Amino acid sequence: MEFRKNDRVSIAVDDDGVAQVRMIRADKMNALDPDMFSRLIEAGQWLHDAKGVRAVVLAGEGRAFCAGLDLGRFAASRENEPPLTERTHGNANLAQQVAMQWRKLPVPVIAAVHGVCFGGGLQIASGADIRVVAPDTRMAIMELKWGLVPDMGGYALWRGLIRDDYLRELTYTNREFTGAEAKEFGLATHVDEDPLTVAIGIARTIADRSPHAIRGAKRLANAMADKSTDALLMDESLEQHQLMRSKNQVEAVMAGMEKRPANYVDV
């Protein structure tokens, strides 16, 4: 097991390739201050390049997943920040990258959401491939309460997740909703009293699949919202061409036929 920790985020990578990422500002319900932004970006960069990581579980320690922006800390630290329109991280600014990076990671990310998940916290959770949410979680698209709009990648991430009229109502009113309601809206994949255990179980199942095939499937899933049918059909063919008769693909077939655990070569 490999373990990394700073004052905001910890990462523990199990022997099976599941990276468990925790926001650890529990005394502030993991609210997002500039240091949390920086540490989350560092975590995403490390995970992107880490060898042997096959799936990620993202959660918050303490009473909450993430309570959203720590407005007091941000108000005192805006003078030297670049303008929001500056693309500092590819197609995103820093705040957008904090949420978008989970979708950009080459491996699947499962968010385990409990307690409170407001504003920027909900946008971070939305960056995951899969969200497991406790039924009594308090959730909200909070930004309109402060005279703002969601701007951490929310609209890009919610596309295809949530019905348009639900999104408009939740955004315009900033009303709270529960984890149970989130599944109805499309913002939760599963609802469970123990979201972390369920999320880890899903991650371990993913980690037991061919890592090259999993990464290819995520690339295709990420492309669905933006590409034409013709382009997607070609992308499928290209991914499959790379996988067929590869070492891991042959190993997947042999392990299935021999009813044994597969021994994959990691990316």
C-alpha atoms as a PDB file:
ATOM      1  CA  MET A   1       0.000   0.000   0.000  1.00  0.00           C
ATOM      2  CA  GLU A   2       1.194   3.513  -0.830  1.00  0.00           C
ATOM      3  CA  PHE A   3       0.057   6.403   1.370  1.00  0.00           C
ATOM      4  CA  ARG A   4       0.284  10.164   0.839  1.00  0.00           C
ATOM      5  CA  LYS A   5      -1.112  12.900   3.074  1.00  0.00           C
ATOM      6  CA  ASN A   6      -0.992  16.662   3.561  1.00  0.00           C
ATOM      7  CA  ASP A   7      -3.139  19.040   5.607  1.00  0.00           C
ATOM      8  CA  ARG A   8      -6.147  18.804   3.253  1.00  0.00           C
ATOM      9  CA  VAL A   9      -6.088  15.538   1.280  1.00  0.00           C
ATOM     10  CA  SER A  10      -4.900  11.981   1.836  1.00  0.00           C
ATOM     11  CA  ILE A  11      -4.385   9.255  -0.768  1.00  0.00           C
ATOM     12  CA  ALA A  12      -4.001   5.576   0.054  1.00  0.00           C
ATOM     13  CA  VAL A  13      -3.473   3.137  -2.821  1.00  0.00           C
ATOM     14  CA  ASP A  14      -4.377  -0.452  -1.961  1.00  0.00           C
ATOM     15  CA  ASP A  15      -2.510  -3.443  -3.336  1.00  0.00           C
ATOM     16  CA  ASP A  16      -5.420  -4.069  -5.725  1.00  0.00           C
ATOM     17  CA  GLY A  17      -4.930  -0.670  -7.380  1.00  0.00           C
ATOM     18  CA  VAL A  18      -7.830   1.174  -5.702  1.00  0.00           C
ATOM     19  CA  ALA A  19      -6.816   4.696  -4.651  1.00  0.00           C
ATOM     20  CA  GLN A  20      -8.853   6.028  -1.746  1.00  0.00           C
ATOM     21  CA  VAL A  21      -8.814   9.841  -1.765  1.00  0.00           C
ATOM     22  CA  ARG A  22     -10.108  11.708   1.263  1.00  0.00           C
ATOM     23  CA  MET A  23     -10.731  15.381   1.874  1.00  0.00           C
ATOM     24  CA  ILE A  24      -9.562  15.713   5.485  1.00  0.00           C
ATOM     25  CA  ARG A  25     -10.561  19.222   6.547  1.00  0.00           C
ATOM     26  CA  ALA A  26     -13.176  17.609   8.758  1.00  0.00           C
ATOM     27  CA  ASP A  27     -13.383  20.473  11.274  1.00  0.00           C
ATOM     28  CA  LYS A  28     -14.752  22.685   8.459  1.00  0.00           C
ATOM     29  CA  MET A  29     -16.884  19.957   6.853  1.00  0.00           C
ATOM     30  CA  ASN A  30     -14.237  19.808   4.101  1.00  0.00           C
ATOM     31  CA  ALA A  31     -15.142  23.293   2.881  1.00  0.00           C
ATOM     32  CA  LEU A  32     -13.130  24.485  -0.095  1.00  0.00           C
ATOM     33  CA  ASP A  33     -10.498  27.093   0.701  1.00  0.00           C
ATOM     34  CA  PRO A  34      -7.488  27.989  -1.485  1.00  0.00           C
ATOM     35  CA  ASP A  35      -5.340  25.345   0.208  1.00  0.00           C
ATOM     36  CA  MET A  36      -7.974  22.667  -0.432  1.00  0.00           C
ATOM     37  CA  PHE A  37      -8.115  23.714  -4.083  1.00  0.00           C
ATOM     38  CA  SER A  38      -4.326  23.411  -4.369  1.00  0.00           C
ATOM     39  CA  ARG A  39      -4.139  20.064  -2.591  1.00  0.00           C
ATOM     40  CA  LEU A  40      -6.978  18.597  -4.656  1.00  0.00           C
ATOM     41  CA  ILE A  41      -5.276  19.697  -7.869  1.00  0.00           C
ATOM     42  CA  GLU A  42      -2.024  18.103  -6.678  1.00  0.00           C
ATOM     43  CA  ALA A  43      -3.905  14.901  -5.847  1.00  0.00           C
ATOM     44  CA  GLY A  44      -5.462  14.786  -9.307  1.00  0.00           C
ATOM     45  CA  GLN A  45      -2.108  15.344 -10.997  1.00  0.00           C
ATOM     46  CA  TRP A  46      -0.490  12.595  -8.931  1.00  0.00           C
ATOM     47  CA  LEU A  47      -3.313  10.134  -9.645  1.00  0.00           C
ATOM     48  CA  HIS A  48      -3.196  10.915 -13.360  1.00  0.00           C
ATOM     49  CA  ASP A  49       0.434   9.855 -13.558  1.00  0.00           C
ATOM     50  CA  ALA A  50       0.504   7.127 -10.891  1.00  0.00           C
ATOM     51  CA  LYS A  51       1.369   3.622 -12.078  1.00  0.00           C
ATOM     52  CA  GLY A  52      -0.903   0.789 -11.069  1.00  0.00           C
ATOM     53  CA  VAL A  53      -3.949   2.871 -10.103  1.00  0.00           C
ATOM     54  CA  ARG A  54      -7.046   1.192 -11.570  1.00  0.00           C
ATOM     55  CA  ALA A  55      -9.901   3.020  -9.832  1.00  0.00           C
ATOM     56  CA  VAL A  56     -10.394   5.919  -7.412  1.00  0.00           C
ATOM     57  CA  VAL A  57     -12.777   6.339  -4.481  1.00  0.00           C
ATOM     58  CA  LEU A  58     -13.329   9.984  -3.517  1.00  0.00           C
ATOM     59  CA  ALA A  59     -14.838  10.814  -0.113  1.00  0.00           C
ATOM     60  CA  GLY A  60     -14.758  13.288   2.742  1.00  0.00           C
ATOM     61  CA  GLU A  61     -13.809  12.579   6.342  1.00  0.00           C
ATOM     62  CA  GLY A  62     -15.960  13.617   9.267  1.00  0.00           C
ATOM     63  CA  ARG A  63     -19.576  14.740   9.017  1.00  0.00           C
ATOM     64  CA  ALA A  64     -19.652  15.757   5.362  1.00  0.00           C
ATOM     65  CA  PHE A  65     -18.451  15.087   1.857  1.00  0.00           C
ATOM     66  CA  CYS A  66     -17.917  18.801   1.204  1.00  0.00           C
ATOM     67  CA  ALA A  67     -19.861  21.860   2.373  1.00  0.00           C
ATOM     68  CA  GLY A  68     -18.841  23.958  -0.638  1.00  0.00           C
ATOM     69  CA  LEU A  69     -16.763  27.123  -0.714  1.00  0.00           C
ATOM     70  CA  ASP A  70     -15.328  28.584   2.462  1.00  0.00           C
ATOM     71  CA  LEU A  71     -16.464  32.063   1.460  1.00  0.00           C
ATOM     72  CA  GLY A  72     -14.544  33.863   4.220  1.00  0.00           C
ATOM     73  CA  ARG A  73     -11.223  32.371   3.160  1.00  0.00           C
ATOM     74  CA  PHE A  74     -11.813  33.063  -0.524  1.00  0.00           C
ATOM     75  CA  ALA A  75     -12.904  36.659   0.047  1.00  0.00           C
ATOM     76  CA  ALA A  76      -9.566  37.366   1.704  1.00  0.00           C
ATOM     77  CA  SER A  77      -7.426  35.834  -1.043  1.00  0.00           C
ATOM     78  CA  ARG A  78      -8.704  37.002  -4.445  1.00  0.00           C
ATOM     79  CA  GLU A  79      -6.349  39.925  -5.161  1.00  0.00           C
ATOM     80  CA  ASN A  80      -3.554  37.980  -6.865  1.00  0.00           C
ATOM     81  CA  GLU A  81      -5.648  35.349  -8.615  1.00  0.00           C
ATOM     82  CA  PRO A  82      -5.715  35.179 -12.432  1.00  0.00           C
ATOM     83  CA  PRO A  83      -9.018  36.169 -14.083  1.00  0.00           C
ATOM     84  CA  LEU A  84     -11.587  33.386 -14.254  1.00  0.00           C
ATOM     85  CA  THR A  85     -11.500  33.519 -18.035  1.00  0.00           C
ATOM     86  CA  GLU A  86      -7.841  32.455 -18.099  1.00  0.00           C
ATOM     87  CA  ARG A  87      -7.472  28.770 -19.008  1.00  0.00           C
ATOM     88  CA  THR A  88      -4.818  27.625 -16.536  1.00  0.00           C
ATOM     89  CA  HIS A  89      -5.504  23.877 -16.814  1.00  0.00           C
ATOM     90  CA  GLY A  90      -6.132  22.930 -20.429  1.00  0.00           C
ATOM     91  CA  ASN A  91      -9.747  23.869 -21.125  1.00  0.00           C
ATOM     92  CA  ALA A  92     -10.439  24.935 -17.525  1.00  0.00           C
ATOM     93  CA  ASN A  93      -9.516  27.497 -14.926  1.00  0.00           C
ATOM     94  CA  LEU A  94      -8.242  26.333 -11.530  1.00  0.00           C
ATOM     95  CA  ALA A  95     -11.669  26.120  -9.858  1.00  0.00           C
ATOM     96  CA  GLN A  96     -13.146  24.205 -12.796  1.00  0.00           C
ATOM     97  CA  GLN A  97     -10.205  21.811 -12.815  1.00  0.00           C
ATOM     98  CA  VAL A  98     -10.865  20.906  -9.161  1.00  0.00           C
ATOM     99  CA  ALA A  99     -14.110  19.255 -10.307  1.00  0.00           C
ATOM    100  CA  MET A 100     -13.333  18.438 -13.944  1.00  0.00           C
ATOM    101  CA  GLN A 101     -10.106  16.577 -13.161  1.00  0.00           C
ATOM    102  CA  TRP A 102     -12.006  13.539 -11.830  1.00  0.00           C
ATOM    103  CA  ARG A 103     -13.746  13.154 -15.183  1.00  0.00           C
ATOM    104  CA  LYS A 104     -10.410  13.725 -16.938  1.00  0.00           C
ATOM    105  CA  LEU A 105      -8.589  11.017 -14.965  1.00  0.00           C
ATOM    106  CA  PRO A 106      -7.916   7.996 -17.177  1.00  0.00           C
ATOM    107  CA  VAL A 107      -9.450   5.610 -14.612  1.00  0.00           C
ATOM    108  CA  PRO A 108     -12.991   5.515 -13.184  1.00  0.00           C
ATOM    109  CA  VAL A 109     -13.778   7.591 -10.085  1.00  0.00           C
ATOM    110  CA  ILE A 110     -16.501   6.662  -7.600  1.00  0.00           C
ATOM    111  CA  ALA A 111     -17.637   9.373  -5.168  1.00  0.00           C
ATOM    112  CA  ALA A 112     -18.965   8.298  -1.753  1.00  0.00           C
ATOM    113  CA  VAL A 113     -21.181  11.150  -0.584  1.00  0.00           C
ATOM    114  CA  HIS A 114     -22.568  11.661   2.913  1.00  0.00           C
ATOM    115  CA  GLY A 115     -23.609  14.390   5.327  1.00  0.00           C
ATOM    116  CA  VAL A 116     -23.514  17.601   3.326  1.00  0.00           C
ATOM    117  CA  CYS A 117     -22.722  18.138  -0.350  1.00  0.00           C
ATOM    118  CA  PHE A 118     -23.292  21.760  -1.315  1.00  0.00           C
ATOM    119  CA  GLY A 119     -22.201  24.021  -4.163  1.00  0.00           C
ATOM    120  CA  GLY A 120     -18.641  23.312  -5.175  1.00  0.00           C
ATOM    121  CA  GLY A 121     -18.798  20.023  -3.287  1.00  0.00           C
ATOM    122  CA  LEU A 122     -21.651  18.865  -5.508  1.00  0.00           C
ATOM    123  CA  GLN A 123     -19.695  19.879  -8.597  1.00  0.00           C
ATOM    124  CA  ILE A 124     -16.699  17.860  -7.378  1.00  0.00           C
ATOM    125  CA  ALA A 125     -18.936  14.831  -6.791  1.00  0.00           C
ATOM    126  CA  SER A 126     -20.430  15.359 -10.254  1.00  0.00           C
ATOM    127  CA  GLY A 127     -16.956  14.955 -11.743  1.00  0.00           C
ATOM    128  CA  ALA A 128     -16.935  11.323 -10.657  1.00  0.00           C
ATOM    129  CA  ASP A 129     -18.040   8.566 -13.030  1.00  0.00           C
ATOM    130  CA  ILE A 130     -20.332   7.101 -10.358  1.00  0.00           C
ATOM    131  CA  ARG A 131     -21.864   8.606  -7.205  1.00  0.00           C
ATOM    132  CA  VAL A 132     -22.999   6.566  -4.199  1.00  0.00           C
ATOM    133  CA  VAL A 133     -24.984   8.817  -1.867  1.00  0.00           C
ATOM    134  CA  ALA A 134     -26.414   8.309   1.614  1.00  0.00           C
ATOM    135  CA  PRO A 135     -30.196   8.818   1.532  1.00  0.00           C
ATOM    136  CA  ASP A 136     -30.172  11.583   4.170  1.00  0.00           C
ATOM    137  CA  THR A 137     -27.357  13.589   2.570  1.00  0.00           C
ATOM    138  CA  ARG A 138     -28.182  17.295   2.331  1.00  0.00           C
ATOM    139  CA  MET A 139     -27.446  18.501  -1.189  1.00  0.00           C
ATOM    140  CA  ALA A 140     -27.881  21.755  -3.075  1.00  0.00           C
ATOM    141  CA  ILE A 141     -26.734  23.703  -6.107  1.00  0.00           C
ATOM    142  CA  MET A 142     -26.037  26.574  -3.758  1.00  0.00           C
ATOM    143  CA  GLU A 143     -24.456  29.349  -5.835  1.00  0.00           C
ATOM    144  CA  LEU A 144     -27.585  31.432  -6.558  1.00  0.00           C
ATOM    145  CA  LYS A 145     -27.954  31.983  -2.810  1.00  0.00           C
ATOM    146  CA  TRP A 146     -24.798  34.112  -2.996  1.00  0.00           C
ATOM    147  CA  GLY A 147     -25.734  35.868  -6.243  1.00  0.00           C
ATOM    148  CA  LEU A 148     -23.458  33.611  -8.308  1.00  0.00           C
ATOM    149  CA  VAL A 149     -23.795  30.840 -10.870  1.00  0.00           C
ATOM    150  CA  PRO A 150     -22.245  27.351 -10.701  1.00  0.00           C
ATOM    151  CA  ASP A 151     -18.779  27.795 -12.201  1.00  0.00           C
ATOM    152  CA  MET A 152     -16.670  24.775 -11.221  1.00  0.00           C
ATOM    153  CA  GLY A 153     -17.564  22.788 -14.324  1.00  0.00           C
ATOM    154  CA  GLY A 154     -21.068  21.989 -13.137  1.00  0.00           C
ATOM    155  CA  TYR A 155     -22.864  22.646 -16.395  1.00  0.00           C
ATOM    156  CA  ALA A 156     -20.360  20.563 -18.358  1.00  0.00           C
ATOM    157  CA  LEU A 157     -20.564  17.722 -15.842  1.00  0.00           C
ATOM    158  CA  TRP A 158     -24.355  17.751 -15.420  1.00  0.00           C
ATOM    159  CA  ARG A 159     -24.950  17.453 -19.147  1.00  0.00           C
ATOM    160  CA  GLY A 160     -26.436  14.004 -19.635  1.00  0.00           C
ATOM    161  CA  LEU A 161     -26.838  13.395 -15.870  1.00  0.00           C
ATOM    162  CA  ILE A 162     -29.883  15.417 -14.908  1.00  0.00           C
ATOM    163  CA  ARG A 163     -33.060  16.368 -16.743  1.00  0.00           C
ATOM    164  CA  ASP A 164     -32.986  19.966 -17.932  1.00  0.00           C
ATOM    165  CA  ASP A 165     -36.009  21.203 -15.996  1.00  0.00           C
ATOM    166  CA  TYR A 166     -34.816  19.622 -12.747  1.00  0.00           C
ATOM    167  CA  LEU A 167     -31.454  21.317 -13.181  1.00  0.00           C
ATOM    168  CA  ARG A 168     -33.026  24.686 -13.839  1.00  0.00           C
ATOM    169  CA  GLU A 169     -35.278  24.474 -10.792  1.00  0.00           C
ATOM    170  CA  LEU A 170     -32.505  23.328  -8.438  1.00  0.00           C
ATOM    171  CA  THR A 171     -30.166  26.027  -9.744  1.00  0.00           C
ATOM    172  CA  TYR A 172     -32.634  28.911  -9.772  1.00  0.00           C
ATOM    173  CA  THR A 173     -34.013  28.171  -6.286  1.00  0.00           C
ATOM    174  CA  ASN A 174     -30.878  26.689  -4.622  1.00  0.00           C
ATOM    175  CA  ARG A 175     -33.259  24.519  -2.602  1.00  0.00           C
ATOM    176  CA  GLU A 176     -31.908  21.607  -0.625  1.00  0.00           C
ATOM    177  CA  PHE A 177     -32.675  18.059  -1.657  1.00  0.00           C
ATOM    178  CA  THR A 178     -31.801  14.691  -0.178  1.00  0.00           C
ATOM    179  CA  GLY A 179     -29.588  11.898  -1.419  1.00  0.00           C
ATOM    180  CA  ALA A 180     -32.731   9.875  -2.074  1.00  0.00           C
ATOM    181  CA  GLU A 181     -34.076  12.665  -4.293  1.00  0.00           C
ATOM    182  CA  ALA A 182     -30.696  12.953  -6.015  1.00  0.00           C
ATOM    183  CA  LYS A 183     -31.167   9.511  -7.535  1.00  0.00           C
ATOM    184  CA  GLU A 184     -34.522  10.576  -8.974  1.00  0.00           C
ATOM    185  CA  PHE A 185     -32.877  13.672 -10.481  1.00  0.00           C
ATOM    186  CA  GLY A 186     -29.929  11.720 -11.899  1.00  0.00           C
ATOM    187  CA  LEU A 187     -27.277  13.156  -9.565  1.00  0.00           C
ATOM    188  CA  ALA A 188     -26.843   9.877  -7.656  1.00  0.00           C
ATOM    189  CA  THR A 189     -26.109   6.491  -9.184  1.00  0.00           C
ATOM    190  CA  HIS A 190     -26.886   4.501  -6.044  1.00  0.00           C
ATOM    191  CA  VAL A 191     -28.379   5.420  -2.676  1.00  0.00           C
ATOM    192  CA  ASP A 192     -27.105   3.494   0.334  1.00  0.00           C
ATOM    193  CA  GLU A 193     -26.752   3.992   4.088  1.00  0.00           C
ATOM    194  CA  ASP A 194     -23.058   3.097   3.787  1.00  0.00           C
ATOM    195  CA  PRO A 195     -21.895   4.844   0.614  1.00  0.00           C
ATOM    196  CA  LEU A 196     -18.182   4.376   1.278  1.00  0.00           C
ATOM    197  CA  THR A 197     -18.414   0.585   1.554  1.00  0.00           C
ATOM    198  CA  VAL A 198     -20.498   0.399  -1.624  1.00  0.00           C
ATOM    199  CA  ALA A 199     -18.123   2.744  -3.477  1.00  0.00           C
ATOM    200  CA  ILE A 200     -15.080   0.692  -2.465  1.00  0.00           C
ATOM    201  CA  GLY A 201     -16.838  -2.482  -3.599  1.00  0.00           C
ATOM    202  CA  ILE A 202     -17.551  -0.991  -7.022  1.00  0.00           C
ATOM    203  CA  ALA A 203     -13.955   0.230  -7.300  1.00  0.00           C
ATOM    204  CA  ARG A 204     -12.588  -3.215  -6.456  1.00  0.00           C
ATOM    205  CA  THR A 205     -14.801  -4.807  -9.093  1.00  0.00           C
ATOM    206  CA  ILE A 206     -13.484  -2.304 -11.648  1.00  0.00           C
ATOM    207  CA  ALA A 207      -9.906  -2.933 -10.504  1.00  0.00           C
ATOM    208  CA  ASP A 208     -10.431  -6.625 -11.310  1.00  0.00           C
ATOM    209  CA  ARG A 209     -11.013  -5.831 -15.004  1.00  0.00           C
ATOM    210  CA  SER A 210      -8.386  -5.261 -17.680  1.00  0.00           C
ATOM    211  CA  PRO A 211      -6.918  -1.811 -16.965  1.00  0.00           C
ATOM    212  CA  HIS A 212      -6.425  -1.083 -20.660  1.00  0.00           C
ATOM    213  CA  ALA A 213     -10.059  -1.935 -21.472  1.00  0.00           C
ATOM    214  CA  ILE A 214     -11.343   0.127 -18.533  1.00  0.00           C
ATOM    215  CA  ARG A 215      -9.377   3.174 -19.686  1.00  0.00           C
ATOM    216  CA  GLY A 216     -10.629   2.715 -23.228  1.00  0.00           C
ATOM    217  CA  ALA A 217     -14.216   2.476 -22.006  1.00  0.00           C
ATOM    218  CA  LYS A 218     -13.813   5.691 -20.012  1.00  0.00           C
ATOM    219  CA  ARG A 219     -12.407   7.507 -23.038  1.00  0.00           C
ATOM    220  CA  LEU A 220     -15.446   6.432 -25.055  1.00  0.00           C
ATOM    221  CA  ALA A 221     -17.862   7.413 -22.278  1.00  0.00           C
ATOM    222  CA  ASN A 222     -16.249  10.854 -22.013  1.00  0.00           C
ATOM    223  CA  ALA A 223     -16.571  11.366 -25.762  1.00  0.00           C
ATOM    224  CA  MET A 224     -20.277  10.546 -25.975  1.00  0.00           C
ATOM    225  CA  ALA A 225     -21.624  14.015 -25.139  1.00  0.00           C
ATOM    226  CA  ASP A 226     -19.574  15.915 -27.698  1.00  0.00           C
ATOM    227  CA  LYS A 227     -18.830  13.708 -30.690  1.00  0.00           C
ATOM    228  CA  SER A 228     -20.938  12.868 -33.684  1.00  0.00           C
ATOM    229  CA  THR A 229     -22.215   9.357 -34.301  1.00  0.00           C
ATOM    230  CA  ASP A 230     -19.669   8.877 -37.077  1.00  0.00           C
ATOM    231  CA  ALA A 231     -16.810   9.940 -34.828  1.00  0.00           C
ATOM    232  CA  LEU A 232     -17.970   7.714 -31.973  1.00  0.00           C
ATOM    233  CA  LEU A 233     -18.244   4.693 -34.239  1.00  0.00           C
ATOM    234  CA  MET A 234     -14.676   5.272 -35.383  1.00  0.00           C
ATOM    235  CA  ASP A 235     -13.488   5.760 -31.801  1.00  0.00           C
ATOM    236  CA  GLU A 236     -15.055   2.420 -30.819  1.00  0.00           C
ATOM    237  CA  SER A 237     -13.249   0.700 -33.668  1.00  0.00           C
ATOM    238  CA  LEU A 238      -9.921   2.309 -32.790  1.00  0.00           C
ATOM    239  CA  GLU A 239     -10.183   1.346 -29.119  1.00  0.00           C
ATOM    240  CA  GLN A 240     -11.156  -2.211 -29.989  1.00  0.00           C
ATOM    241  CA  HIS A 241      -8.367  -2.516 -32.544  1.00  0.00           C
ATOM    242  CA  GLN A 242      -5.845  -1.641 -29.841  1.00  0.00           C
ATOM    243  CA  LEU A 243      -7.318  -4.146 -27.371  1.00  0.00           C
ATOM    244  CA  MET A 244      -7.921  -7.210 -29.521  1.00  0.00           C
ATOM    245  CA  ARG A 245      -5.259  -9.898 -29.059  1.00  0.00           C
ATOM    246  CA  SER A 246      -3.329  -7.678 -26.652  1.00  0.00           C
ATOM    247  CA  LYS A 247      -1.735  -9.345 -23.630  1.00  0.00           C
ATOM    248  CA  ASN A 248      -4.437  -8.184 -21.241  1.00  0.00           C
ATOM    249  CA  GLN A 249      -7.271  -9.097 -23.598  1.00  0.00           C
ATOM    250  CA  VAL A 250      -5.918 -12.627 -24.010  1.00  0.00           C
ATOM    251  CA  GLU A 251      -5.446 -12.845 -20.232  1.00  0.00           C
ATOM    252  CA  ALA A 252      -9.091 -11.803 -19.679  1.00  0.00           C
ATOM    253  CA  VAL A 253     -10.273 -14.639 -21.936  1.00  0.00           C
ATOM    254  CA  MET A 254      -7.939 -17.246 -20.422  1.00  0.00           C
ATOM    255  CA  ALA A 255      -8.787 -16.276 -16.840  1.00  0.00           C
ATOM    256  CA  GLY A 256     -12.486 -16.560 -17.625  1.00  0.00           C
ATOM    257  CA  MET A 257     -12.093 -19.947 -19.297  1.00  0.00           C
ATOM    258  CA  GLU A 258      -9.873 -21.283 -16.501  1.00  0.00           C
ATOM    259  CA  LYS A 259     -12.050 -19.762 -13.756  1.00  0.00           C
ATOM    260  CA  ARG A 260      -9.125 -18.044 -12.033  1.00  0.00           C
ATOM    261  CA  PRO A 261      -8.220 -14.462 -11.097  1.00  0.00           C
ATOM    262  CA  ALA A 262      -6.706 -12.550 -13.977  1.00  0.00           C
ATOM    263  CA  ASN A 263      -3.101 -11.369 -13.802  1.00  0.00           C
ATOM    264  CA  TYR A 264      -3.119  -8.145 -15.798  1.00  0.00           C
ATOM    265  CA  VAL A 265      -0.204  -5.960 -16.826  1.00  0.00           C
ATOM    266  CA  ASP A 266      -0.814  -2.474 -15.459  1.00  0.00           C
ATOM    267  CA  VAL A 267      -0.718   0.661 -17.577  1.00  0.00           C
END
